[in-house]
Amino acid sequence: MADLHHLKKRASLGEVTRRSSAGLEPFVPSEEQPWDTARIAHLLRRTETGPDLYSISDFLNLTPQEAVDQIMDCALAEPLPEPPAWADEVPPPRGSSDAERQAYREANREHYVELSVDWHRRLFERGIGEHMALFWSNHFVTEFAVYRGATYAYEYLTLLRTYALGDFKEFVRKIGLTPAMLIYLDGVDNVAGQPNENYARELLELFTMGIGHYTEDDVKEISRALTGWRFNPFTNTVFFNPLLHDSGSKTIFGKTGAFGYDDVVDLIFQERAYEVARFVCAKLYRHFVYVEEDDAVVDQMAEIFLENDFTVEPVVRTLLTSAHFFDDAFYGAHIKSPVEFFLSLVRDARIDPDQSFRDATIFRLAFRLQEQLGQILFNPPDVSGWPGHRNWMSSASLTERWTLTQRFATAGEIQKLLDFVSNPDDPWAVAGEIANLLSPVQTGAGNLETLVEILLDGIPTYEWDPDTDGGLARLSSYVAYLMQLPEYQLA
């Protein structure tokens, strides 16, 4: 079994080998770079839970542009889920009994778990829209452990879904006035005469433009402009109190006026438009392509972002159809996050998703994994979010992943993987085609011989029979082996 050093080497491979001369021009299949199973699997790993041969078969009959259009158009047409029955639930009023308050706390915790389970389910079943909501949760960071309201988490997640591929400027405008954000970054404590700078600082540093494009005076003046916004938990309403707002003159980015909340958002996108576009597009590049940016490609993405008035969808659509995205250099260039790893286990072990998200034992395993590895939905470690990539890997975390693979490989309907094999009676086809389905790094001829030996586990080739208990046991052990390889941790 390969070690942690091997895994990190596979994920980095040196900066030179993760570079591409291609840009955002459309990917045109050729004899050297065909539109094949490997490229379609790469697209599905970066935009959805990952590949299965049903999707791959469908996409083989489309052009790359048509495949990406289908992914994007489905996401844009996807309706928001129906709100849960408790979406507008509020705490018991002042003067309520201890028993009533305790009952609310217990119900609130149950609602949070329900919301988290449902998000896992939708991440598994849906496409790029849900995965972009997860991306934005690591951009506009809040922590449930701080604001502690399931209804606030639901409202926050609904906003992430609504603007996942939409108007980024409007996204910024609305996110700061959610209960989750107002509580998390102390907006409710930001009042005239005693401005709180927390949200103003993160708005600039983490949410829109990054360090180096504003001054400390800008932070101070913006915090004054944002004063006066309040939240009433007993009615679940955000409102503006003009008596708590600093209505005096402020100077922001060299402009002077009696600015308020909306003015701040307008100024950011007027006076720092390029900086915002470059900052956001660099993050999108790191998410979809590779952790090390290609400056020329990010610059092109930023131009598209600006030309489309900060709408995310055209940028993502162009990137996903580009020759740059489909370059071989970026296959297996991401390390799966704990959430992605869990979802890939559900898919690749062929566990019934209804069972996965209904079975408390399985989900408890998933939650334990995410807790151990540091990625619990709605609870990034701090306002800068999950650092991701190589930070997901350590000797301890890799052991946790291995433990979970054993449980899943024996719990699933592994025989369903044979539906994706051209000839299930041929151990060479079984070993190679399943390995290529589960891994972003395709199996070479030399590796295939070793994989066949592992699948057969000592029996001669002619004794391979997938329809017997012994055959299924060997298949289960083989899949568990594949899931523990360094390549399986990559996407």
Protein backbone atom coordinates (compact mmCIF):
# COMPACT_ATOMS: atom_id res chain seq x y z
CA MET A 1 0.00 0.00 0.00
CA ALA A 2 1.34 3.42 -0.93
CA ASP A 3 2.19 5.90 1.80
CA LEU A 4 1.33 9.51 2.59
CA HIS A 5 4.46 10.78 0.86
CA HIS A 6 3.36 9.05 -2.34
CA LEU A 7 -0.07 10.66 -2.09
CA LYS A 8 1.25 14.18 -1.61
CA LYS A 9 3.70 13.64 -4.46
CA ARG A 10 0.84 12.53 -6.72
CA ALA A 11 -1.15 15.64 -5.73
CA SER A 12 1.67 18.07 -6.46
CA LEU A 13 4.03 16.46 -9.02
CA GLY A 14 6.01 19.69 -9.11
CA GLU A 15 4.68 22.96 -10.42
CA VAL A 16 6.06 22.45 -13.93
CA THR A 17 3.99 19.32 -14.61
CA ARG A 18 0.82 21.07 -13.46
CA ARG A 19 1.15 23.83 -16.07
CA SER A 20 -0.56 23.98 -19.42
CA SER A 21 0.07 26.05 -22.51
CA ALA A 22 -3.65 25.99 -23.32
CA GLY A 23 -5.95 28.89 -22.49
CA LEU A 24 -9.71 29.49 -22.42
CA GLU A 25 -10.16 28.66 -26.09
CA PRO A 26 -12.74 25.85 -26.48
CA PHE A 27 -11.49 22.31 -26.10
CA VAL A 28 -11.52 20.60 -29.49
CA PRO A 29 -11.08 16.80 -29.32
CA SER A 30 -8.27 15.36 -31.39
CA GLU A 31 -6.49 12.05 -31.88
CA GLU A 32 -3.99 13.06 -29.20
CA GLN A 33 -6.69 14.44 -26.86
CA PRO A 34 -9.91 12.54 -27.56
CA TRP A 35 -13.32 13.15 -26.01
CA ASP A 36 -13.26 9.93 -24.03
CA THR A 37 -14.19 8.31 -20.73
CA ALA A 38 -11.21 9.85 -18.92
CA ARG A 39 -12.08 13.43 -19.90
CA ILE A 40 -15.75 13.02 -19.11
CA ALA A 41 -14.87 11.50 -15.72
CA HIS A 42 -12.59 14.49 -15.07
CA LEU A 43 -15.47 16.88 -15.84
CA LEU A 44 -17.86 15.00 -13.54
CA ARG A 45 -15.34 14.82 -10.69
CA ARG A 46 -14.92 18.61 -10.75
CA THR A 47 -18.59 19.51 -11.13
CA GLU A 48 -20.63 16.74 -9.46
CA THR A 49 -20.17 13.83 -7.07
CA GLY A 50 -18.17 12.01 -9.74
CA PRO A 51 -18.49 9.66 -12.68
CA ASP A 52 -20.58 6.61 -13.33
CA LEU A 53 -20.82 4.88 -16.66
CA TYR A 54 -24.44 5.91 -17.17
CA SER A 55 -23.43 9.59 -17.27
CA ILE A 56 -20.26 8.82 -19.19
CA SER A 57 -22.20 6.88 -21.81
CA ASP A 58 -24.63 9.76 -22.27
CA PHE A 59 -21.87 12.35 -22.55
CA LEU A 60 -19.91 10.31 -25.09
CA ASN A 61 -22.75 11.05 -27.50
CA LEU A 62 -22.41 14.81 -26.92
CA THR A 63 -19.72 17.32 -27.77
CA PRO A 64 -17.73 18.77 -24.84
CA GLN A 65 -19.67 22.04 -25.21
CA GLU A 66 -23.00 20.18 -25.16
CA ALA A 67 -21.96 18.19 -22.09
CA VAL A 68 -20.99 21.31 -20.14
CA ASP A 69 -24.14 23.09 -21.32
CA GLN A 70 -26.21 20.23 -19.98
CA ILE A 71 -24.47 20.38 -16.60
CA MET A 72 -24.82 24.16 -16.35
CA ASP A 73 -28.35 24.45 -17.73
CA CYS A 74 -29.63 21.76 -15.36
CA ALA A 75 -28.15 23.67 -12.43
CA LEU A 76 -29.68 26.97 -13.54
CA ALA A 77 -33.10 25.34 -13.92
CA GLU A 78 -32.93 23.48 -10.60
CA PRO A 79 -35.62 24.79 -8.22
CA LEU A 80 -34.81 25.48 -4.60
CA PRO A 81 -35.87 22.69 -2.24
CA GLU A 82 -39.09 23.12 -0.33
CA PRO A 83 -38.46 24.82 3.04
CA PRO A 84 -38.60 22.53 6.07
CA ALA A 85 -41.56 22.83 8.43
CA TRP A 86 -39.33 24.55 10.99
CA ALA A 87 -37.87 27.17 8.60
CA ASP A 88 -39.54 30.07 10.43
CA GLU A 89 -39.28 28.66 13.94
CA VAL A 90 -38.26 31.20 16.59
CA PRO A 91 -37.01 30.82 20.17
CA PRO A 92 -39.55 30.85 23.02
CA PRO A 93 -40.28 34.42 24.17
CA ARG A 94 -38.75 36.02 27.21
CA GLY A 95 -40.26 34.68 30.40
CA SER A 96 -40.59 31.13 29.03
CA SER A 97 -39.90 28.23 31.34
CA ASP A 98 -36.60 26.33 31.48
CA ALA A 99 -38.41 23.31 30.03
CA GLU A 100 -39.60 25.33 27.02
CA ARG A 101 -36.14 26.71 26.38
CA GLN A 102 -34.59 23.25 26.69
CA ALA A 103 -37.15 21.80 24.29
CA TYR A 104 -36.30 24.53 21.78
CA ARG A 105 -32.56 23.83 22.09
CA GLU A 106 -33.08 20.11 21.51
CA ALA A 107 -35.35 20.71 18.52
CA ASN A 108 -32.87 23.25 17.13
CA ARG A 109 -30.09 20.67 17.29
CA GLU A 110 -32.28 18.08 15.55
CA HIS A 111 -33.11 20.60 12.82
CA TYR A 112 -29.43 21.33 12.28
CA VAL A 113 -28.67 17.62 11.87
CA GLU A 114 -31.63 17.24 9.51
CA LEU A 115 -30.38 20.17 7.41
CA SER A 116 -26.87 18.74 7.29
CA VAL A 117 -28.07 15.28 6.28
CA ASP A 118 -30.30 16.76 3.59
CA TRP A 119 -27.41 18.83 2.21
CA HIS A 120 -25.26 15.71 1.96
CA ARG A 121 -28.10 14.02 0.11
CA ARG A 122 -28.47 16.90 -2.34
CA LEU A 123 -24.72 17.09 -2.86
CA PHE A 124 -24.86 13.42 -3.81
CA GLU A 125 -27.94 13.60 -6.02
CA ARG A 126 -27.66 17.03 -7.62
CA GLY A 127 -25.11 18.69 -9.81
CA ILE A 128 -22.85 21.69 -9.93
CA GLY A 129 -25.35 24.06 -8.28
CA GLU A 130 -25.15 22.26 -4.93
CA HIS A 131 -21.38 21.90 -5.20
CA MET A 132 -21.07 25.62 -5.88
CA ALA A 133 -23.15 26.28 -2.75
CA LEU A 134 -20.54 24.27 -0.84
CA PHE A 135 -17.80 26.30 -2.53
CA TRP A 136 -19.42 29.57 -1.46
CA SER A 137 -19.85 28.28 2.11
CA ASN A 138 -16.06 28.26 2.21
CA HIS A 139 -15.94 31.80 0.83
CA PHE A 140 -18.69 33.62 2.72
CA VAL A 141 -17.81 31.75 5.88
CA THR A 142 -20.04 31.51 8.93
CA GLU A 143 -19.99 28.99 11.79
CA PHE A 144 -23.07 27.31 13.19
CA ALA A 145 -21.17 26.87 16.47
CA VAL A 146 -21.27 30.68 16.80
CA TYR A 147 -24.76 31.67 15.63
CA ARG A 148 -26.39 28.37 16.78
CA GLY A 149 -29.69 28.67 14.94
CA ALA A 150 -30.90 26.04 12.46
CA THR A 151 -33.26 28.56 10.88
CA TYR A 152 -30.31 30.91 10.31
CA ALA A 153 -28.32 28.06 8.74
CA TYR A 154 -31.24 27.26 6.45
CA GLU A 155 -31.59 30.89 5.34
CA TYR A 156 -27.83 31.12 4.77
CA LEU A 157 -27.76 27.90 2.71
CA THR A 158 -30.75 29.06 0.67
CA LEU A 159 -28.85 32.22 -0.25
CA LEU A 160 -25.77 30.19 -1.24
CA ARG A 161 -27.96 28.07 -3.51
CA THR A 162 -29.80 31.06 -4.97
CA TYR A 163 -26.63 32.89 -6.04
CA ALA A 164 -24.35 29.89 -6.60
CA LEU A 165 -23.96 30.75 -10.29
CA GLY A 166 -25.59 34.15 -10.25
CA ASP A 167 -24.97 37.86 -9.62
CA PHE A 168 -21.96 38.08 -7.31
CA LYS A 169 -22.52 41.74 -6.49
CA GLU A 170 -26.06 41.05 -5.32
CA PHE A 171 -24.75 38.00 -3.47
CA VAL A 172 -22.35 40.24 -1.52
CA ARG A 173 -25.15 42.72 -0.83
CA LYS A 174 -27.45 40.08 0.63
CA ILE A 175 -25.00 37.86 2.50
CA GLY A 176 -24.06 40.58 4.98
CA LEU A 177 -27.68 40.96 6.08
CA THR A 178 -28.34 37.31 6.89
CA PRO A 179 -28.77 36.47 10.57
CA ALA A 180 -25.89 33.97 10.33
CA MET A 181 -23.43 36.60 9.09
CA LEU A 182 -24.70 39.47 11.25
CA ILE A 183 -24.19 37.34 14.35
CA TYR A 184 -20.99 35.59 13.26
CA LEU A 185 -19.03 38.73 12.34
CA ASP A 186 -20.62 40.99 14.95
CA GLY A 187 -22.69 43.13 12.62
CA VAL A 188 -25.37 43.27 15.31
CA ASP A 189 -22.81 44.98 17.57
CA ASN A 190 -21.83 47.60 14.99
CA VAL A 191 -23.38 50.87 16.15
CA ALA A 192 -22.68 54.58 15.79
CA GLY A 193 -19.99 55.75 18.18
CA GLN A 194 -18.71 52.22 18.74
CA PRO A 195 -18.15 50.73 15.29
CA ASN A 196 -17.17 47.06 15.09
CA GLU A 197 -14.69 46.45 12.26
CA ASN A 198 -15.00 42.66 11.96
CA TYR A 199 -17.39 42.45 9.01
CA ALA A 200 -15.87 45.45 7.21
CA ARG A 201 -12.44 43.84 7.33
CA GLU A 202 -13.55 40.40 6.13
CA LEU A 203 -15.77 41.96 3.47
CA LEU A 204 -12.63 43.39 1.89
CA GLU A 205 -9.98 40.81 2.77
CA LEU A 206 -11.85 37.53 2.31
CA PHE A 207 -15.10 38.21 0.49
CA THR A 208 -14.30 40.64 -2.33
CA MET A 209 -10.75 41.79 -3.11
CA GLY A 210 -8.01 40.44 -0.84
CA ILE A 211 -5.21 42.18 1.03
CA GLY A 212 -3.38 45.02 -0.66
CA HIS A 213 -6.28 46.84 -2.28
CA TYR A 214 -7.57 48.86 0.67
CA THR A 215 -6.24 50.78 3.66
CA GLU A 216 -6.92 50.56 7.37
CA ASP A 217 -8.78 53.87 7.04
CA ASP A 218 -11.05 52.22 4.44
CA VAL A 219 -11.86 49.49 6.97
CA LYS A 220 -12.66 52.02 9.68
CA GLU A 221 -14.83 54.15 7.40
CA ILE A 222 -16.68 51.15 5.98
CA SER A 223 -17.43 49.88 9.49
CA ARG A 224 -19.05 53.26 10.22
CA ALA A 225 -21.10 53.04 7.03
CA LEU A 226 -22.39 49.58 8.01
CA THR A 227 -23.70 50.61 11.43
CA GLY A 228 -27.34 50.30 12.44
CA TRP A 229 -28.34 46.83 11.24
CA ARG A 230 -30.07 44.71 13.87
CA PHE A 231 -31.60 41.27 14.21
CA ASN A 232 -34.63 40.27 16.29
CA PRO A 233 -34.42 36.50 16.99
CA PHE A 234 -37.98 36.41 18.37
CA THR A 235 -39.42 37.48 15.01
CA ASN A 236 -36.51 36.23 12.88
CA THR A 237 -36.23 39.61 11.15
CA VAL A 238 -33.28 41.77 10.12
CA PHE A 239 -33.98 45.49 10.23
CA PHE A 240 -32.27 48.85 10.06
CA ASN A 241 -32.35 51.20 13.05
CA PRO A 242 -31.41 54.72 11.86
CA LEU A 243 -30.82 55.80 15.46
CA LEU A 244 -27.87 53.38 15.64
CA HIS A 245 -26.42 54.40 12.26
CA ASP A 246 -23.50 56.77 11.84
CA SER A 247 -24.92 59.24 9.31
CA GLY A 248 -21.80 61.38 9.19
CA SER A 249 -19.48 61.84 6.24
CA LYS A 250 -17.04 59.00 5.40
CA THR A 251 -14.18 58.69 2.93
CA ILE A 252 -13.87 55.27 1.27
CA PHE A 253 -11.46 54.52 -1.59
CA GLY A 254 -10.96 58.26 -1.93
CA LYS A 255 -14.68 59.00 -2.31
CA THR A 256 -16.51 61.08 0.34
CA GLY A 257 -20.17 60.99 1.31
CA ALA A 258 -22.69 60.04 3.99
CA PHE A 259 -22.41 56.41 2.92
CA GLY A 260 -24.55 53.53 4.17
CA TYR A 261 -24.68 49.77 3.60
CA ASP A 262 -25.75 49.78 -0.08
CA ASP A 263 -23.29 52.55 -0.85
CA VAL A 264 -20.42 50.42 0.46
CA VAL A 265 -21.32 47.54 -1.85
CA ASP A 266 -21.65 49.92 -4.81
CA LEU A 267 -18.28 51.53 -4.05
CA ILE A 268 -16.51 48.18 -3.82
CA PHE A 269 -17.75 47.13 -7.27
CA GLN A 270 -17.23 50.58 -8.82
CA GLU A 271 -13.84 51.52 -7.41
CA ARG A 272 -12.28 48.05 -7.13
CA ALA A 273 -14.03 46.23 -9.98
CA TYR A 274 -10.92 44.61 -11.46
CA GLU A 275 -9.54 43.65 -8.06
CA VAL A 276 -12.84 41.95 -7.16
CA ALA A 277 -13.00 40.13 -10.50
CA ARG A 278 -9.40 38.93 -10.25
CA PHE A 279 -9.81 37.81 -6.62
CA VAL A 280 -12.99 35.81 -7.21
CA CYS A 281 -11.81 34.27 -10.48
CA ALA A 282 -8.55 33.14 -8.89
CA LYS A 283 -10.59 31.30 -6.29
CA LEU A 284 -12.81 29.72 -8.94
CA TYR A 285 -9.69 28.62 -10.83
CA ARG A 286 -8.22 26.99 -7.72
CA HIS A 287 -11.51 25.19 -7.13
CA PHE A 288 -12.05 23.82 -10.64
CA VAL A 289 -8.52 23.44 -12.00
CA TYR A 290 -5.58 23.51 -9.59
CA VAL A 291 -4.40 25.08 -6.37
CA GLU A 292 -1.62 27.04 -8.14
CA GLU A 293 -3.10 29.74 -10.36
CA ASP A 294 -2.29 30.27 -14.01
CA ASP A 295 -2.15 34.07 -14.13
CA ALA A 296 -2.95 34.38 -17.83
CA VAL A 297 -6.04 32.17 -17.56
CA VAL A 298 -7.27 33.91 -14.41
CA ASP A 299 -6.88 37.26 -16.16
CA GLN A 300 -9.06 35.99 -19.02
CA MET A 301 -11.64 34.75 -16.54
CA ALA A 302 -11.67 38.14 -14.82
CA GLU A 303 -12.36 39.86 -18.15
CA ILE A 304 -15.37 37.59 -18.71
CA PHE A 305 -16.58 38.29 -15.17
CA LEU A 306 -16.42 42.03 -15.76
CA GLU A 307 -18.04 41.81 -19.20
CA ASN A 308 -20.97 39.96 -17.62
CA ASP A 309 -21.50 42.38 -14.71
CA PHE A 310 -20.10 39.96 -12.12
CA THR A 311 -22.31 37.02 -13.07
CA VAL A 312 -20.59 33.76 -12.12
CA GLU A 313 -22.18 31.38 -14.63
CA PRO A 314 -20.46 32.63 -17.85
CA VAL A 315 -17.06 32.40 -16.17
CA VAL A 316 -17.60 28.83 -15.00
CA ARG A 317 -19.15 27.72 -18.30
CA THR A 318 -16.23 29.14 -20.28
CA LEU A 319 -13.65 27.56 -17.98
CA LEU A 320 -15.28 24.12 -18.08
CA THR A 321 -15.38 24.07 -21.89
CA SER A 322 -11.80 25.26 -22.26
CA ALA A 323 -8.74 23.46 -23.54
CA HIS A 324 -7.04 24.50 -20.32
CA PHE A 325 -9.54 22.70 -18.09
CA PHE A 326 -9.30 19.48 -20.12
CA ASP A 327 -5.51 19.42 -20.22
CA ASP A 328 -4.09 16.10 -18.98
CA ALA A 329 -1.92 18.01 -16.50
CA PHE A 330 -4.88 18.62 -14.19
CA TYR A 331 -6.24 15.08 -13.89
CA GLY A 332 -6.05 13.99 -10.26
CA ALA A 333 -4.74 17.40 -9.20
CA HIS A 334 -7.16 17.82 -6.28
CA ILE A 335 -7.20 15.97 -2.97
CA LYS A 336 -10.77 15.06 -2.07
CA SER A 337 -12.21 16.88 0.91
CA PRO A 338 -13.77 14.72 3.64
CA VAL A 339 -17.26 15.51 2.29
CA GLU A 340 -16.21 14.63 -1.27
CA PHE A 341 -14.52 11.46 -0.02
CA PHE A 342 -17.64 10.32 1.84
CA LEU A 343 -19.87 10.97 -1.18
CA SER A 344 -17.49 9.11 -3.48
CA LEU A 345 -17.57 6.11 -1.12
CA VAL A 346 -21.37 6.05 -1.23
CA ARG A 347 -21.24 6.17 -5.03
CA ASP A 348 -18.38 3.74 -5.62
CA ALA A 349 -19.45 1.16 -3.02
CA ARG A 350 -22.86 1.27 -4.69
CA ILE A 351 -24.63 1.91 -1.42
CA ASP A 352 -28.29 2.86 -1.80
CA PRO A 353 -28.24 6.66 -1.25
CA ASP A 354 -31.60 6.50 0.52
CA GLN A 355 -30.04 4.06 2.96
CA SER A 356 -26.89 6.16 3.30
CA PHE A 357 -28.74 9.26 4.38
CA ARG A 358 -31.36 7.43 6.41
CA ASP A 359 -29.08 4.94 8.16
CA ALA A 360 -27.84 6.53 11.37
CA THR A 361 -24.87 4.16 11.56
CA ILE A 362 -23.54 5.06 8.13
CA PHE A 363 -24.08 8.74 8.63
CA ARG A 364 -22.46 8.59 12.05
CA LEU A 365 -19.39 7.12 10.33
CA ALA A 366 -19.42 10.00 7.87
CA PHE A 367 -19.80 12.59 10.60
CA ARG A 368 -16.95 11.00 12.55
CA LEU A 369 -14.76 11.12 9.47
CA GLN A 370 -15.55 14.77 8.83
CA GLU A 371 -15.00 15.64 12.48
CA GLN A 372 -11.64 13.85 12.52
CA LEU A 373 -10.54 15.44 9.25
CA GLY A 374 -11.82 18.91 9.98
CA GLN A 375 -14.69 19.48 7.56
CA ILE A 376 -18.12 19.60 9.12
CA LEU A 377 -20.76 21.29 6.99
CA PHE A 378 -21.78 24.72 8.35
CA ASN A 379 -18.70 24.71 10.62
CA PRO A 380 -15.43 25.79 8.97
CA PRO A 381 -12.60 26.25 11.50
CA ASP A 382 -12.57 30.06 11.28
CA VAL A 383 -13.51 32.94 9.00
CA SER A 384 -10.79 32.03 6.49
CA GLY A 385 -12.50 28.68 5.91
CA TRP A 386 -11.08 25.22 5.26
CA PRO A 387 -7.58 25.54 3.76
CA GLY A 388 -8.12 22.33 1.80
CA HIS A 389 -5.91 20.52 -0.71
CA ARG A 390 -2.75 19.13 0.97
CA ASN A 391 -4.09 20.20 4.37
CA TRP A 392 -6.64 17.39 4.08
CA MET A 393 -3.86 14.84 4.36
CA SER A 394 -1.81 13.64 7.31
CA SER A 395 -0.80 10.20 8.54
CA ALA A 396 -3.71 10.26 11.01
CA SER A 397 -6.31 11.45 8.50
CA LEU A 398 -5.23 8.91 5.91
CA THR A 399 -5.70 6.13 8.47
CA GLU A 400 -9.23 7.41 9.15
CA ARG A 401 -9.98 7.30 5.44
CA TRP A 402 -8.70 3.74 5.17
CA THR A 403 -10.86 2.63 8.10
CA LEU A 404 -13.99 4.02 6.47
CA THR A 405 -13.27 2.40 3.11
CA GLN A 406 -13.31 -1.06 4.68
CA ARG A 407 -16.72 -0.40 6.21
CA PHE A 408 -18.20 0.90 2.99
CA ALA A 409 -16.71 -1.72 0.66
CA THR A 410 -18.40 -4.47 2.69
CA ALA A 411 -21.67 -2.56 3.23
CA GLY A 412 -22.42 -1.76 -0.40
CA GLU A 413 -23.72 -3.73 -3.37
CA ILE A 414 -20.30 -4.06 -4.94
CA GLN A 415 -21.57 -6.45 -7.60
CA LYS A 416 -23.35 -3.49 -9.25
CA LEU A 417 -19.92 -2.28 -10.36
CA LEU A 418 -19.87 -5.22 -12.75
CA ASP A 419 -22.65 -3.51 -14.71
CA PHE A 420 -19.97 -1.04 -15.84
CA VAL A 421 -17.52 -3.73 -17.03
CA SER A 422 -17.43 -4.77 -20.67
CA ASN A 423 -16.87 -8.45 -19.78
CA PRO A 424 -17.42 -9.35 -16.08
CA ASP A 425 -16.12 -12.88 -16.72
CA ASP A 426 -12.71 -11.50 -17.71
CA PRO A 427 -10.66 -10.59 -14.59
CA TRP A 428 -8.45 -8.33 -16.70
CA ALA A 429 -11.47 -6.29 -17.80
CA VAL A 430 -12.86 -6.25 -14.25
CA ALA A 431 -9.59 -5.14 -12.64
CA GLY A 432 -8.73 -2.49 -15.23
CA GLU A 433 -12.14 -0.97 -15.91
CA ILE A 434 -13.16 -0.69 -12.25
CA ALA A 435 -9.79 0.84 -11.38
CA ASN A 436 -10.20 3.40 -14.15
CA LEU A 437 -13.75 4.20 -13.03
CA LEU A 438 -12.70 4.80 -9.41
CA SER A 439 -9.43 6.63 -10.08
CA PRO A 440 -8.66 9.85 -11.98
CA VAL A 441 -5.30 8.35 -12.94
CA GLN A 442 -5.74 5.73 -15.66
CA THR A 443 -4.25 2.25 -15.26
CA GLY A 444 -1.17 1.43 -17.33
CA ALA A 445 -0.35 -2.02 -18.68
CA GLY A 446 2.26 -2.69 -15.99
CA ASN A 447 -0.06 -1.70 -13.18
CA LEU A 448 -2.90 -3.75 -14.61
CA GLU A 449 -1.02 -7.00 -14.15
CA THR A 450 -0.55 -6.24 -10.46
CA LEU A 451 -4.21 -5.26 -10.09
CA VAL A 452 -5.37 -8.52 -11.64
CA GLU A 453 -3.23 -10.44 -9.15
CA ILE A 454 -4.83 -8.53 -6.28
CA LEU A 455 -8.33 -9.18 -7.63
CA LEU A 456 -7.71 -12.93 -8.07
CA ASP A 457 -6.06 -13.22 -4.65
CA GLY A 458 -4.19 -16.40 -5.45
CA ILE A 459 -6.62 -18.23 -7.73
CA PRO A 460 -5.78 -18.86 -11.40
CA THR A 461 -7.42 -16.71 -14.05
CA TYR A 462 -9.68 -19.50 -15.28
CA GLU A 463 -11.27 -19.88 -11.83
CA TRP A 464 -12.52 -16.29 -11.72
CA ASP A 465 -16.33 -16.31 -11.37
CA PRO A 466 -18.03 -13.09 -10.23
CA ASP A 467 -21.36 -14.84 -9.66
CA THR A 468 -20.15 -16.91 -6.71
CA ASP A 469 -19.80 -15.81 -3.09
CA GLY A 470 -16.06 -16.21 -3.43
CA GLY A 471 -16.01 -14.00 -6.51
CA LEU A 472 -17.99 -11.26 -4.81
CA ALA A 473 -15.77 -11.46 -1.72
CA ARG A 474 -12.70 -11.02 -3.93
CA LEU A 475 -14.37 -8.11 -5.72
CA SER A 476 -15.22 -6.45 -2.39
CA SER A 477 -11.63 -6.83 -1.16
CA TYR A 478 -10.34 -5.50 -4.46
CA VAL A 479 -12.55 -2.41 -4.32
CA ALA A 480 -11.48 -1.77 -0.72
CA TYR A 481 -7.86 -1.99 -1.91
CA LEU A 482 -8.51 0.53 -4.70
CA MET A 483 -10.22 2.90 -2.26
CA GLN A 484 -7.11 2.90 -0.08
CA LEU A 485 -4.72 3.76 -2.89
CA PRO A 486 -3.35 7.31 -3.03
CA GLU A 487 -5.01 7.78 -6.42
CA TYR A 488 -8.46 7.28 -4.93
CA GLN A 489 -7.93 10.24 -2.60
CA LEU A 490 -7.57 12.46 -5.67
CA ALA A 491 -10.09 14.05 -8.01
